[in-house]
Each structure stands twice: as structure tokens, then as C-alpha cells.
Amino acid sequence: MQGTATTPRGESANPREVFEKVTHQQIIDLWRTDDAPDAGYFARAEQADWIGPFWGVGPFWAAFQQLDLRNVLEIACGHGRHATMIADRCERLHLQDTSEAALTRCRERFSGMDNITYHLSKTGRDLASIEINSLTAVYCYDALVHFDWRCVLAYLSEIYCVLKAGGRALLHHSILEEPGAPLRQRPRWRNFLPRSLLLHEAMRLGFVVESSELIATTDGVTETTDGLTLLRKERV
């Protein structure tokens, strides 16, 4: 039996608005401000044992070497813990987030650098402020794993639009296939996103899948919850 969509307060809702105003907005609100429910995540994520798996020897580092760093975008940059590893190597680095508080921290962190542009996303699923066919690379670490699958697919389309021909996207994402459970009840807050769905949409858009592998979670525990996918846009 198909029920009527409702908001958390129980009122009837237009089904088209549920994703925009309920499902995805709840995820954005977890990190939007300094006093958000999970704002403490940013401090924890700066710790060496969290950063290490991304920038030490391993699958992330190997795949990252394939990126052209002339004009790069990081999606969901947070307080800049990953950007600080590459900012001085990029001709232009774009940092995007849905949190004005996070972008303020980045502006403070990189105040002495003039090669960084900041982008506040109001929807958390578009790259409207980025010029079409302009980027040489896009990456996203430890963020898409939490996003609603519709949001991830929306970002795939946006990434395809903003990459130059030959540009690459390196995406750390969930691969969990079990449906239904709310985000906070899922292993390590990994959202629903079958890897086959992500790869199907990437290929449908025109991406070449250069690699896609299952990886250990970033805290070093081997579970089949995370994937790392490298995509290339062949032509405009």
C-alpha cells in the first residue's frame, strides 16, 4: 500500500518537496553551523588517524596522482582539512560547502593564499557557481558517503558539466545496498547507494570509469561500506 508523504511533524506534504525540504535538508543541517548537531565532527576529522588514510600510501593517494591540479574543485570541503594538503600545488582551488561557518573557517585558514575561491551551495547538490567546462579535476572525500543517493546522482551530472574534456573526478562514496534505515542508524552513517547505480549513471552521462574499488573505511576497519571511483570526461 502506498502511503501519503509526511513531514517529520506529520503534516501532509507534496511528494516532490519531500526530498528538498526533508530528506536532504536534514543531512545538510547536521553540519551547516558551528552549533549544528554534528559540528564537532570537524575537529575530530582533523586528527592524524582520520587524515592519514587519504594522504598516506594507499588507494586514495594513488588515485589522486591521476588528477590535473590546474583548476580543482573540492565538494564539501568542511574546514579545509583536505584542501590544506594540496592548496599550494593548485593553480586554482575551488572550495564548496553548504556551511557558511565552514567556509569562514577556510577563509581564515587560507587567508595568506590568493589562489582559492569559495563557493556557498544553498542546495547541497549543484555546482551552479562554477563555470561550465572549466575544471581539470573534482574530488570529494568523506562526504558523499553520507549523502542521499539522489543528491549524489545530481552531483554526478553537475560534475560532468563543469569538467573540461579530459578532466577527472575522484569520489569517495558509500556502496551500501540495504534500503530503508535512517542515516544515523546506518553503519558509520553511510547512506544507501549501490555502486552499480553510481556507475550506471556515470556511464549514462558519458564518463569513462577509470577505476572503481571497494576500500577499507577511513578509520582502518575493513568493511564493505565504502567505494572509491575515478571518472574521466572524454569530450565536451
C-alpha atoms as a PDB file:
ATOM      1  CA  MET A   1       0.000   0.000   0.000  1.00  0.00           C
ATOM      2  CA  GLN A   2       1.323   3.433  -0.933  1.00  0.00           C
ATOM      3  CA  GLY A   3       1.084   5.989   1.852  1.00  0.00           C
ATOM      4  CA  THR A   4       0.932   9.762   1.848  1.00  0.00           C
ATOM      5  CA  ALA A   5       4.239  11.563   2.238  1.00  0.00           C
ATOM      6  CA  THR A   6       4.540  13.468   5.510  1.00  0.00           C
ATOM      7  CA  THR A   7       6.968  15.856   7.115  1.00  0.00           C
ATOM      8  CA  PRO A   8       8.599  14.981  10.477  1.00  0.00           C
ATOM      9  CA  ARG A   9       5.737  16.830  12.205  1.00  0.00           C
ATOM     10  CA  GLY A  10       3.200  14.647  10.470  1.00  0.00           C
ATOM     11  CA  GLU A  11       1.618  17.177   8.097  1.00  0.00           C
ATOM     12  CA  SER A  12       0.818  16.066   4.560  1.00  0.00           C
ATOM     13  CA  ALA A  13       3.459  17.156   2.054  1.00  0.00           C
ATOM     14  CA  ASN A  14       3.806  17.448  -1.679  1.00  0.00           C
ATOM     15  CA  PRO A  15       5.878  14.352  -2.562  1.00  0.00           C
ATOM     16  CA  ARG A  16       8.050  16.469  -4.866  1.00  0.00           C
ATOM     17  CA  GLU A  17       9.055  18.588  -1.877  1.00  0.00           C
ATOM     18  CA  VAL A  18       9.966  15.759   0.490  1.00  0.00           C
ATOM     19  CA  PHE A  19      13.485  15.325  -0.876  1.00  0.00           C
ATOM     20  CA  GLU A  20      14.206  19.065  -0.975  1.00  0.00           C
ATOM     21  CA  LYS A  21      12.741  20.066   2.390  1.00  0.00           C
ATOM     22  CA  VAL A  22      13.017  16.921   4.487  1.00  0.00           C
ATOM     23  CA  THR A  23      15.344  14.135   3.382  1.00  0.00           C
ATOM     24  CA  HIS A  24      18.344  16.062   2.078  1.00  0.00           C
ATOM     25  CA  GLN A  25      17.868  19.148   4.237  1.00  0.00           C
ATOM     26  CA  GLN A  26      18.180  17.079   7.399  1.00  0.00           C
ATOM     27  CA  ILE A  27      21.580  15.864   6.217  1.00  0.00           C
ATOM     28  CA  ILE A  28      22.766  19.385   5.356  1.00  0.00           C
ATOM     29  CA  ASP A  29      21.636  20.678   8.747  1.00  0.00           C
ATOM     30  CA  LEU A  30      23.890  18.212  10.593  1.00  0.00           C
ATOM     31  CA  TRP A  31      26.920  20.360   9.690  1.00  0.00           C
ATOM     32  CA  ARG A  32      25.594  23.739   8.496  1.00  0.00           C
ATOM     33  CA  THR A  33      26.591  25.902  11.503  1.00  0.00           C
ATOM     34  CA  ASP A  34      29.069  25.882  14.375  1.00  0.00           C
ATOM     35  CA  ASP A  35      26.296  24.760  16.749  1.00  0.00           C
ATOM     36  CA  ALA A  36      24.824  22.140  14.380  1.00  0.00           C
ATOM     37  CA  PRO A  37      24.120  18.641  15.792  1.00  0.00           C
ATOM     38  CA  ASP A  38      27.378  17.148  14.481  1.00  0.00           C
ATOM     39  CA  ALA A  39      29.580  20.262  14.262  1.00  0.00           C
ATOM     40  CA  GLY A  40      32.135  18.527  16.493  1.00  0.00           C
ATOM     41  CA  TYR A  41      32.877  16.229  13.568  1.00  0.00           C
ATOM     42  CA  PHE A  42      35.159  18.846  12.010  1.00  0.00           C
ATOM     43  CA  ALA A  43      37.525  18.854  14.988  1.00  0.00           C
ATOM     44  CA  ARG A  44      37.609  15.051  15.153  1.00  0.00           C
ATOM     45  CA  ALA A  45      38.260  14.810  11.431  1.00  0.00           C
ATOM     46  CA  GLU A  46      41.433  16.906  11.719  1.00  0.00           C
ATOM     47  CA  GLN A  47      43.136  14.152  13.709  1.00  0.00           C
ATOM     48  CA  ALA A  48      46.048  12.374  12.054  1.00  0.00           C
ATOM     49  CA  ASP A  49      44.383   8.946  12.142  1.00  0.00           C
ATOM     50  CA  TRP A  50      41.455  10.359  10.147  1.00  0.00           C
ATOM     51  CA  ILE A  51      43.590  12.241   7.625  1.00  0.00           C
ATOM     52  CA  GLY A  52      46.202   9.521   7.176  1.00  0.00           C
ATOM     53  CA  PRO A  53      44.197   7.056   5.056  1.00  0.00           C
ATOM     54  CA  PHE A  54      43.532   9.778   2.467  1.00  0.00           C
ATOM     55  CA  TRP A  55      47.032  11.186   2.125  1.00  0.00           C
ATOM     56  CA  GLY A  56      49.308   8.307   3.096  1.00  0.00           C
ATOM     57  CA  VAL A  57      50.334   5.472   0.806  1.00  0.00           C
ATOM     58  CA  GLY A  58      47.178   3.685  -0.323  1.00  0.00           C
ATOM     59  CA  PRO A  59      44.293   3.758  -2.820  1.00  0.00           C
ATOM     60  CA  PHE A  60      43.324   7.397  -2.243  1.00  0.00           C
ATOM     61  CA  TRP A  61      46.848   8.689  -2.778  1.00  0.00           C
ATOM     62  CA  ALA A  62      47.411   6.501  -5.836  1.00  0.00           C
ATOM     63  CA  ALA A  63      44.193   7.664  -7.499  1.00  0.00           C
ATOM     64  CA  PHE A  64      44.783  11.312  -6.578  1.00  0.00           C
ATOM     65  CA  GLN A  65      48.020  11.290  -8.576  1.00  0.00           C
ATOM     66  CA  GLN A  66      45.880  10.993 -11.724  1.00  0.00           C
ATOM     67  CA  LEU A  67      44.305  14.424 -11.173  1.00  0.00           C
ATOM     68  CA  ASP A  68      45.383  17.541 -13.049  1.00  0.00           C
ATOM     69  CA  LEU A  69      45.631  20.225 -10.343  1.00  0.00           C
ATOM     70  CA  ARG A  70      45.478  23.326 -12.527  1.00  0.00           C
ATOM     71  CA  ASN A  71      41.826  24.108 -11.738  1.00  0.00           C
ATOM     72  CA  VAL A  72      40.401  21.905  -8.983  1.00  0.00           C
ATOM     73  CA  LEU A  73      37.148  21.737  -7.010  1.00  0.00           C
ATOM     74  CA  GLU A  74      36.651  20.086  -3.641  1.00  0.00           C
ATOM     75  CA  ILE A  75      32.988  19.332  -2.915  1.00  0.00           C
ATOM     76  CA  ALA A  76      32.012  19.565   0.774  1.00  0.00           C
ATOM     77  CA  CYS A  77      35.343  20.991   1.892  1.00  0.00           C
ATOM     78  CA  GLY A  78      34.413  21.392   5.575  1.00  0.00           C
ATOM     79  CA  HIS A  79      37.112  23.272   7.480  1.00  0.00           C
ATOM     80  CA  GLY A  80      39.709  22.553   4.795  1.00  0.00           C
ATOM     81  CA  ARG A  81      41.477  19.525   6.249  1.00  0.00           C
ATOM     82  CA  HIS A  82      41.975  18.013   2.798  1.00  0.00           C
ATOM     83  CA  ALA A  83      42.476  21.282   0.943  1.00  0.00           C
ATOM     84  CA  THR A  84      45.438  22.118   3.157  1.00  0.00           C
ATOM     85  CA  MET A  85      47.246  19.093   1.725  1.00  0.00           C
ATOM     86  CA  ILE A  86      47.122  20.419  -1.854  1.00  0.00           C
ATOM     87  CA  ALA A  87      46.398  24.161  -1.794  1.00  0.00           C
ATOM     88  CA  ASP A  88      49.968  25.150  -2.632  1.00  0.00           C
ATOM     89  CA  ARG A  89      50.041  22.684  -5.554  1.00  0.00           C
ATOM     90  CA  CYS A  90      46.937  24.048  -7.314  1.00  0.00           C
ATOM     91  CA  GLU A  91      46.910  26.938  -9.765  1.00  0.00           C
ATOM     92  CA  ARG A  92      43.264  27.500  -8.736  1.00  0.00           C
ATOM     93  CA  LEU A  93      41.418  25.660  -5.974  1.00  0.00           C
ATOM     94  CA  HIS A  94      37.660  25.987  -5.537  1.00  0.00           C
ATOM     95  CA  LEU A  95      36.230  25.086  -2.121  1.00  0.00           C
ATOM     96  CA  GLN A  96      32.490  24.408  -1.956  1.00  0.00           C
ATOM     97  CA  ASP A  97      30.284  23.695   1.046  1.00  0.00           C
ATOM     98  CA  THR A  98      26.727  24.209   2.279  1.00  0.00           C
ATOM     99  CA  SER A  99      28.026  25.663   5.557  1.00  0.00           C
ATOM    100  CA  GLU A 100      28.891  29.356   5.725  1.00  0.00           C
ATOM    101  CA  ALA A 101      30.585  28.631   9.057  1.00  0.00           C
ATOM    102  CA  ALA A 102      32.840  26.046   7.420  1.00  0.00           C
ATOM    103  CA  LEU A 103      33.751  28.419   4.592  1.00  0.00           C
ATOM    104  CA  THR A 104      34.548  31.129   7.140  1.00  0.00           C
ATOM    105  CA  ARG A 105      36.988  28.732   8.809  1.00  0.00           C
ATOM    106  CA  CYS A 106      38.550  28.017   5.411  1.00  0.00           C
ATOM    107  CA  ARG A 107      38.944  31.710   4.647  1.00  0.00           C
ATOM    108  CA  GLU A 108      40.757  32.105   7.970  1.00  0.00           C
ATOM    109  CA  ARG A 109      42.869  29.014   7.402  1.00  0.00           C
ATOM    110  CA  PHE A 110      43.963  30.040   3.897  1.00  0.00           C
ATOM    111  CA  SER A 111      44.000  33.802   4.440  1.00  0.00           C
ATOM    112  CA  GLY A 112      47.501  34.121   3.014  1.00  0.00           C
ATOM    113  CA  MET A 113      46.666  32.384  -0.273  1.00  0.00           C
ATOM    114  CA  ASP A 114      45.261  34.097  -3.346  1.00  0.00           C
ATOM    115  CA  ASN A 115      44.614  31.011  -5.484  1.00  0.00           C
ATOM    116  CA  ILE A 116      41.470  29.870  -3.631  1.00  0.00           C
ATOM    117  CA  THR A 117      37.849  30.661  -4.494  1.00  0.00           C
ATOM    118  CA  TYR A 118      34.982  29.900  -2.092  1.00  0.00           C
ATOM    119  CA  HIS A 119      31.500  28.746  -3.081  1.00  0.00           C
ATOM    120  CA  LEU A 120      28.469  28.510  -0.787  1.00  0.00           C
ATOM    121  CA  SER A 121      25.945  25.953  -2.051  1.00  0.00           C
ATOM    122  CA  LYS A 122      22.373  26.644  -0.981  1.00  0.00           C
ATOM    123  CA  THR A 123      21.001  23.352  -2.272  1.00  0.00           C
ATOM    124  CA  GLY A 124      23.844  20.977  -1.448  1.00  0.00           C
ATOM    125  CA  ARG A 125      23.506  19.270  -4.815  1.00  0.00           C
ATOM    126  CA  ASP A 126      24.501  21.724  -7.520  1.00  0.00           C
ATOM    127  CA  LEU A 127      27.621  23.493  -8.785  1.00  0.00           C
ATOM    128  CA  ALA A 128      25.830  26.487 -10.265  1.00  0.00           C
ATOM    129  CA  SER A 129      28.588  28.948  -9.339  1.00  0.00           C
ATOM    130  CA  ILE A 130      31.255  27.016 -11.298  1.00  0.00           C
ATOM    131  CA  GLU A 131      31.857  27.816 -14.961  1.00  0.00           C
ATOM    132  CA  ILE A 132      30.830  25.096 -17.418  1.00  0.00           C
ATOM    133  CA  ASN A 133      33.721  23.102 -18.990  1.00  0.00           C
ATOM    134  CA  SER A 134      36.289  24.854 -16.798  1.00  0.00           C
ATOM    135  CA  LEU A 135      37.708  22.409 -14.248  1.00  0.00           C
ATOM    136  CA  THR A 136      40.564  19.970 -14.678  1.00  0.00           C
ATOM    137  CA  ALA A 137      39.613  17.939 -11.588  1.00  0.00           C
ATOM    138  CA  VAL A 138      36.957  17.434  -8.906  1.00  0.00           C
ATOM    139  CA  TYR A 139      37.345  15.429  -5.725  1.00  0.00           C
ATOM    140  CA  CYS A 140      35.207  14.690  -2.690  1.00  0.00           C
ATOM    141  CA  TYR A 141      36.443  12.824   0.388  1.00  0.00           C
ATOM    142  CA  ASP A 142      34.463  11.630   3.410  1.00  0.00           C
ATOM    143  CA  ALA A 143      31.277  13.492   2.463  1.00  0.00           C
ATOM    144  CA  LEU A 144      29.357  11.772  -0.349  1.00  0.00           C
ATOM    145  CA  VAL A 145      29.338   8.667   1.855  1.00  0.00           C
ATOM    146  CA  HIS A 146      26.652  10.425   3.922  1.00  0.00           C
ATOM    147  CA  PHE A 147      24.611  11.993   1.109  1.00  0.00           C
ATOM    148  CA  ASP A 148      21.233  10.812  -0.156  1.00  0.00           C
ATOM    149  CA  TRP A 149      21.641   8.801  -3.365  1.00  0.00           C
ATOM    150  CA  ARG A 150      19.606  11.332  -5.361  1.00  0.00           C
ATOM    151  CA  CYS A 151      21.978  14.048  -4.242  1.00  0.00           C
ATOM    152  CA  VAL A 152      24.999  12.016  -5.353  1.00  0.00           C
ATOM    153  CA  LEU A 153      23.497  11.399  -8.790  1.00  0.00           C
ATOM    154  CA  ALA A 154      22.652  15.101  -9.100  1.00  0.00           C
ATOM    155  CA  TYR A 155      26.271  15.934  -8.317  1.00  0.00           C
ATOM    156  CA  LEU A 156      27.460  13.487 -10.980  1.00  0.00           C
ATOM    157  CA  SER A 157      25.549  15.416 -13.606  1.00  0.00           C
ATOM    158  CA  GLU A 158      26.867  18.734 -12.298  1.00  0.00           C
ATOM    159  CA  ILE A 159      30.438  17.436 -12.223  1.00  0.00           C
ATOM    160  CA  TYR A 160      30.154  16.323 -15.833  1.00  0.00           C
ATOM    161  CA  CYS A 161      29.026  19.823 -16.803  1.00  0.00           C
ATOM    162  CA  VAL A 162      31.864  21.701 -15.074  1.00  0.00           C
ATOM    163  CA  LEU A 163      34.764  19.425 -16.070  1.00  0.00           C
ATOM    164  CA  LYS A 164      36.811  20.108 -19.154  1.00  0.00           C
ATOM    165  CA  ALA A 165      37.282  17.333 -21.699  1.00  0.00           C
ATOM    166  CA  GLY A 166      39.916  15.069 -20.191  1.00  0.00           C
ATOM    167  CA  GLY A 167      39.115  16.231 -16.646  1.00  0.00           C
ATOM    168  CA  ARG A 168      38.737  13.684 -13.864  1.00  0.00           C
ATOM    169  CA  ALA A 169      36.567  13.267 -10.771  1.00  0.00           C
ATOM    170  CA  LEU A 170      37.705  11.254  -7.740  1.00  0.00           C
ATOM    171  CA  LEU A 171      34.790  10.336  -5.500  1.00  0.00           C
ATOM    172  CA  HIS A 172      34.721   8.587  -2.114  1.00  0.00           C
ATOM    173  CA  HIS A 173      31.204   7.218  -1.748  1.00  0.00           C
ATOM    174  CA  SER A 174      29.040   4.712   0.065  1.00  0.00           C
ATOM    175  CA  ILE A 175      28.273   1.336  -1.500  1.00  0.00           C
ATOM    176  CA  LEU A 176      25.618   0.205   0.970  1.00  0.00           C
ATOM    177  CA  GLU A 177      22.676  -1.538  -0.694  1.00  0.00           C
ATOM    178  CA  GLU A 178      20.442  -2.130   2.330  1.00  0.00           C
ATOM    179  CA  PRO A 179      17.426   0.203   1.967  1.00  0.00           C
ATOM    180  CA  GLY A 180      15.263   1.998   4.454  1.00  0.00           C
ATOM    181  CA  ALA A 181      17.239   2.803   7.600  1.00  0.00           C
ATOM    182  CA  PRO A 182      17.715   6.476   8.566  1.00  0.00           C
ATOM    183  CA  LEU A 183      21.238   7.818   8.126  1.00  0.00           C
ATOM    184  CA  ARG A 184      22.160   7.812  11.812  1.00  0.00           C
ATOM    185  CA  GLN A 185      21.156   4.168  12.138  1.00  0.00           C
ATOM    186  CA  ARG A 186      23.363   3.036   9.271  1.00  0.00           C
ATOM    187  CA  PRO A 187      26.952   1.725   9.677  1.00  0.00           C
ATOM    188  CA  ARG A 188      29.261   4.745  10.087  1.00  0.00           C
ATOM    189  CA  TRP A 189      26.430   6.925   8.776  1.00  0.00           C
ATOM    190  CA  ARG A 190      26.982   5.538   5.269  1.00  0.00           C
ATOM    191  CA  ASN A 191      23.907   6.236   3.173  1.00  0.00           C
ATOM    192  CA  PHE A 192      22.167   3.985   0.668  1.00  0.00           C
ATOM    193  CA  LEU A 193      23.997   3.950  -2.694  1.00  0.00           C
ATOM    194  CA  PRO A 194      24.532   0.727  -4.638  1.00  0.00           C
ATOM    195  CA  ARG A 195      27.808   1.027  -6.538  1.00  0.00           C
ATOM    196  CA  SER A 196      26.123  -0.279  -9.679  1.00  0.00           C
ATOM    197  CA  LEU A 197      23.692   2.657  -9.572  1.00  0.00           C
ATOM    198  CA  LEU A 198      26.514   5.198  -9.338  1.00  0.00           C
ATOM    199  CA  LEU A 199      28.470   3.567 -12.159  1.00  0.00           C
ATOM    200  CA  HIS A 200      25.378   3.239 -14.352  1.00  0.00           C
ATOM    201  CA  GLU A 201      24.612   6.948 -14.001  1.00  0.00           C
ATOM    202  CA  ALA A 202      28.243   7.936 -14.570  1.00  0.00           C
ATOM    203  CA  MET A 203      28.411   5.931 -17.805  1.00  0.00           C
ATOM    204  CA  ARG A 204      24.996   7.167 -18.909  1.00  0.00           C
ATOM    205  CA  LEU A 205      26.260  10.749 -18.586  1.00  0.00           C
ATOM    206  CA  GLY A 206      29.294   9.923 -20.712  1.00  0.00           C
ATOM    207  CA  PHE A 207      32.017   9.370 -18.121  1.00  0.00           C
ATOM    208  CA  VAL A 208      34.708   6.759 -18.610  1.00  0.00           C
ATOM    209  CA  VAL A 209      35.117   4.740 -15.407  1.00  0.00           C
ATOM    210  CA  GLU A 210      38.882   4.517 -14.999  1.00  0.00           C
ATOM    211  CA  SER A 211      38.696   2.639 -11.709  1.00  0.00           C
ATOM    212  CA  SER A 212      36.194   1.754  -9.009  1.00  0.00           C
ATOM    213  CA  GLU A 213      37.165  -0.252  -5.968  1.00  0.00           C
ATOM    214  CA  LEU A 214      35.973  -1.248  -2.536  1.00  0.00           C
ATOM    215  CA  ILE A 215      38.152   0.228   0.186  1.00  0.00           C
ATOM    216  CA  ALA A 216      38.607  -0.003   3.925  1.00  0.00           C
ATOM    217  CA  THR A 217      36.721   2.668   5.847  1.00  0.00           C
ATOM    218  CA  THR A 218      38.788   5.692   6.780  1.00  0.00           C
ATOM    219  CA  ASP A 219      39.159   4.531  10.395  1.00  0.00           C
ATOM    220  CA  GLY A 220      41.005   1.455   9.139  1.00  0.00           C
ATOM    221  CA  VAL A 221      38.247  -1.079   9.791  1.00  0.00           C
ATOM    222  CA  THR A 222      37.697  -3.307   6.778  1.00  0.00           C
ATOM    223  CA  GLU A 223      34.008  -3.301   5.955  1.00  0.00           C
ATOM    224  CA  THR A 224      32.256  -3.233   2.641  1.00  0.00           C
ATOM    225  CA  THR A 225      30.707   0.209   3.144  1.00  0.00           C
ATOM    226  CA  ASP A 226      32.988   2.491   1.089  1.00  0.00           C
ATOM    227  CA  GLY A 227      33.963   2.825  -2.543  1.00  0.00           C
ATOM    228  CA  LEU A 228      36.478   4.975  -4.412  1.00  0.00           C
ATOM    229  CA  THR A 229      35.728   5.774  -8.044  1.00  0.00           C
ATOM    230  CA  LEU A 230      37.821   7.668 -10.604  1.00  0.00           C
ATOM    231  CA  LEU A 231      35.934   9.058 -13.611  1.00  0.00           C
ATOM    232  CA  ARG A 232      37.135  10.816 -16.754  1.00  0.00           C
ATOM    233  CA  LYS A 233      35.172  13.112 -19.051  1.00  0.00           C
ATOM    234  CA  GLU A 234      36.319  12.319 -22.600  1.00  0.00           C
ATOM    235  CA  ARG A 235      34.664  15.112 -24.550  1.00  0.00           C
ATOM    236  CA  VAL A 236      32.621  18.290 -24.185  1.00  0.00           C
END
